[in-house]
Amino acid sequence: MGEWWLLEDSSENMLSGVDDDPENPPRLSASRISAFLTTIPEARESFNRLVVNMLPEEQDRLYAIAEGLPTYLALDYQFIQDHFQHVLNTGEVRTAGPRGGTRCGGNR
């Protein structure tokens, strides 16, 4: 299984880098890393596997970013609403009678 934070073609770690270090600048900003960690489960799992093998300065930066994040993943409320609406719109319609409950002259 490939790591989420590694580029496939070069195996470059997108988590690497330290602020204020011109020789090892951060590849991704803190805001992008935190957004990925809170919305993508694979990113969080890969983050936990990769950080322990990084330089101490990089670990300090990444742990500081992850420290303020919730321990749960953010919910996609649009997906939840769309799924709920889909369930309501695809339910079966139950009627009685050979023509779906309609009779000549209306329902009696």
C-alpha atoms as a PDB file:
ATOM      1  CA  MET A   1       0.000   0.000   0.000  1.00  0.00           C
ATOM      2  CA  GLY A   2       1.403   3.383  -1.008  1.00  0.00           C
ATOM      3  CA  GLU A   3       1.624   6.224   1.430  1.00  0.00           C
ATOM      4  CA  TRP A   4      -0.846   9.042   0.892  1.00  0.00           C
ATOM      5  CA  TRP A   5       1.727  11.829   1.421  1.00  0.00           C
ATOM      6  CA  LEU A   6       4.371  10.448  -0.935  1.00  0.00           C
ATOM      7  CA  LEU A   7       4.420  11.382  -4.611  1.00  0.00           C
ATOM      8  CA  GLU A   8       4.234   8.231  -6.705  1.00  0.00           C
ATOM      9  CA  ASP A   9       6.770   9.226  -9.351  1.00  0.00           C
ATOM     10  CA  SER A  10       9.519  10.536  -7.054  1.00  0.00           C
ATOM     11  CA  SER A  11       8.564   9.264  -3.566  1.00  0.00           C
ATOM     12  CA  GLU A  12       8.955  12.831  -2.306  1.00  0.00           C
ATOM     13  CA  ASN A  13       7.392  13.278   1.118  1.00  0.00           C
ATOM     14  CA  MET A  14       4.977  16.204   0.967  1.00  0.00           C
ATOM     15  CA  LEU A  15       5.054  16.510   4.772  1.00  0.00           C
ATOM     16  CA  SER A  16       8.770  17.256   4.862  1.00  0.00           C
ATOM     17  CA  GLY A  17      10.198  20.689   5.460  1.00  0.00           C
ATOM     18  CA  VAL A  18      10.743  23.155   8.266  1.00  0.00           C
ATOM     19  CA  ASP A  19       9.571  26.752   8.553  1.00  0.00           C
ATOM     20  CA  ASP A  20      12.380  29.338   8.228  1.00  0.00           C
ATOM     21  CA  ASP A  21      14.834  26.822   6.741  1.00  0.00           C
ATOM     22  CA  PRO A  22      15.810  27.797   3.175  1.00  0.00           C
ATOM     23  CA  GLU A  23      17.516  24.452   2.564  1.00  0.00           C
ATOM     24  CA  ASN A  24      14.496  22.413   3.695  1.00  0.00           C
ATOM     25  CA  PRO A  25      11.357  24.506   3.069  1.00  0.00           C
ATOM     26  CA  PRO A  26       7.905  23.038   3.764  1.00  0.00           C
ATOM     27  CA  ARG A  27       6.304  21.392   0.734  1.00  0.00           C
ATOM     28  CA  LEU A  28       2.762  22.094   1.975  1.00  0.00           C
ATOM     29  CA  SER A  29       1.415  24.868   4.163  1.00  0.00           C
ATOM     30  CA  ALA A  30       0.071  24.109   7.622  1.00  0.00           C
ATOM     31  CA  SER A  31      -3.465  24.997   6.527  1.00  0.00           C
ATOM     32  CA  ARG A  32      -3.389  22.472   3.671  1.00  0.00           C
ATOM     33  CA  ILE A  33      -1.990  19.732   5.890  1.00  0.00           C
ATOM     34  CA  SER A  34      -4.651  20.341   8.541  1.00  0.00           C
ATOM     35  CA  ALA A  35      -7.402  20.379   5.882  1.00  0.00           C
ATOM     36  CA  PHE A  36      -6.225  17.032   4.499  1.00  0.00           C
ATOM     37  CA  LEU A  37      -5.927  15.523   7.981  1.00  0.00           C
ATOM     38  CA  THR A  38      -9.451  16.516   8.969  1.00  0.00           C
ATOM     39  CA  THR A  39     -11.201  15.378   5.786  1.00  0.00           C
ATOM     40  CA  ILE A  40      -9.324  12.377   4.386  1.00  0.00           C
ATOM     41  CA  PRO A  41      -8.986   9.220   6.543  1.00  0.00           C
ATOM     42  CA  GLU A  42      -6.139   7.808   4.401  1.00  0.00           C
ATOM     43  CA  ALA A  43      -4.153  11.016   4.898  1.00  0.00           C
ATOM     44  CA  ARG A  44      -4.438  10.756   8.670  1.00  0.00           C
ATOM     45  CA  GLU A  45      -3.398   7.092   8.740  1.00  0.00           C
ATOM     46  CA  SER A  46      -0.431   7.755   6.472  1.00  0.00           C
ATOM     47  CA  PHE A  47       0.514  10.829   8.537  1.00  0.00           C
ATOM     48  CA  ASN A  48       0.718   8.712  11.687  1.00  0.00           C
ATOM     49  CA  ARG A  49       2.983   6.185   9.942  1.00  0.00           C
ATOM     50  CA  LEU A  50       5.341   8.704   8.307  1.00  0.00           C
ATOM     51  CA  VAL A  51       5.926  11.317  11.008  1.00  0.00           C
ATOM     52  CA  VAL A  52       7.792   8.994  13.346  1.00  0.00           C
ATOM     53  CA  ASN A  53      10.539   8.492  10.721  1.00  0.00           C
ATOM     54  CA  MET A  54      11.087  12.170   9.943  1.00  0.00           C
ATOM     55  CA  LEU A  55      13.645  14.673  11.231  1.00  0.00           C
ATOM     56  CA  PRO A  56      13.011  16.005  14.763  1.00  0.00           C
ATOM     57  CA  GLU A  57      12.467  19.565  13.453  1.00  0.00           C
ATOM     58  CA  GLU A  58       9.909  18.282  10.960  1.00  0.00           C
ATOM     59  CA  GLN A  59       8.206  16.228  13.647  1.00  0.00           C
ATOM     60  CA  ASP A  60       7.912  19.311  15.871  1.00  0.00           C
ATOM     61  CA  ARG A  61       6.265  21.293  13.052  1.00  0.00           C
ATOM     62  CA  LEU A  62       3.848  18.492  12.151  1.00  0.00           C
ATOM     63  CA  TYR A  63       2.901  17.644  15.715  1.00  0.00           C
ATOM     64  CA  ALA A  64       2.171  21.345  16.295  1.00  0.00           C
ATOM     65  CA  ILE A  65      -0.154  21.317  13.266  1.00  0.00           C
ATOM     66  CA  ALA A  66      -1.899  18.104  14.321  1.00  0.00           C
ATOM     67  CA  GLU A  67      -2.207  19.157  17.969  1.00  0.00           C
ATOM     68  CA  GLY A  68      -5.015  21.619  17.314  1.00  0.00           C
ATOM     69  CA  LEU A  69      -7.043  19.253  15.143  1.00  0.00           C
ATOM     70  CA  PRO A  70     -10.011  17.241  16.379  1.00  0.00           C
ATOM     71  CA  THR A  71      -9.471  13.533  16.895  1.00  0.00           C
ATOM     72  CA  TYR A  72     -12.451  12.795  14.635  1.00  0.00           C
ATOM     73  CA  LEU A  73     -12.767  13.461  10.932  1.00  0.00           C
ATOM     74  CA  ALA A  74     -14.918  16.310   9.674  1.00  0.00           C
ATOM     75  CA  LEU A  75     -18.280  15.267   8.296  1.00  0.00           C
ATOM     76  CA  ASP A  76     -19.325  16.061   4.767  1.00  0.00           C
ATOM     77  CA  TYR A  77     -22.775  17.482   5.487  1.00  0.00           C
ATOM     78  CA  GLN A  78     -23.645  17.907   1.801  1.00  0.00           C
ATOM     79  CA  PHE A  79     -23.086  14.171   1.252  1.00  0.00           C
ATOM     80  CA  ILE A  80     -25.248  13.346   4.283  1.00  0.00           C
ATOM     81  CA  GLN A  81     -28.065  15.583   3.061  1.00  0.00           C
ATOM     82  CA  ASP A  82     -27.842  14.223  -0.482  1.00  0.00           C
ATOM     83  CA  HIS A  83     -27.948  10.632   0.788  1.00  0.00           C
ATOM     84  CA  PHE A  84     -30.957  11.381   2.996  1.00  0.00           C
ATOM     85  CA  GLN A  85     -32.793  13.003   0.080  1.00  0.00           C
ATOM     86  CA  HIS A  86     -31.909  10.031  -2.153  1.00  0.00           C
ATOM     87  CA  VAL A  87     -33.382   7.611   0.395  1.00  0.00           C
ATOM     88  CA  LEU A  88     -36.592   9.623   0.550  1.00  0.00           C
ATOM     89  CA  ASN A  89     -36.900   9.795  -3.236  1.00  0.00           C
ATOM     90  CA  THR A  90     -36.235   6.123  -3.979  1.00  0.00           C
ATOM     91  CA  GLY A  91     -38.592   4.481  -1.513  1.00  0.00           C
ATOM     92  CA  GLU A  92     -41.290   2.209  -2.809  1.00  0.00           C
ATOM     93  CA  VAL A  93     -44.873   3.377  -3.169  1.00  0.00           C
ATOM     94  CA  ARG A  94     -47.438   0.974  -1.807  1.00  0.00           C
ATOM     95  CA  THR A  95     -50.950   1.065  -3.168  1.00  0.00           C
ATOM     96  CA  ALA A  96     -53.851  -1.337  -3.268  1.00  0.00           C
ATOM     97  CA  GLY A  97     -55.853  -2.618  -6.184  1.00  0.00           C
ATOM     98  CA  PRO A  98     -55.075  -3.836  -9.679  1.00  0.00           C
ATOM     99  CA  ARG A  99     -54.483  -0.316 -11.005  1.00  0.00           C
ATOM    100  CA  GLY A 100     -52.528   0.996  -8.081  1.00  0.00           C
ATOM    101  CA  GLY A 101     -55.520   1.690  -5.900  1.00  0.00           C
ATOM    102  CA  THR A 102     -57.479   3.718  -8.412  1.00  0.00           C
ATOM    103  CA  ARG A 103     -61.018   2.643  -9.235  1.00  0.00           C
ATOM    104  CA  CYS A 104     -63.363   3.856 -11.853  1.00  0.00           C
ATOM    105  CA  GLY A 105     -65.219   6.726 -10.260  1.00  0.00           C
ATOM    106  CA  GLY A 106     -62.510   7.401  -7.658  1.00  0.00           C
ATOM    107  CA  ASN A 107     -61.516   5.665  -4.462  1.00  0.00           C
ATOM    108  CA  ARG A 108     -64.290   4.405  -2.242  1.00  0.00           C
END
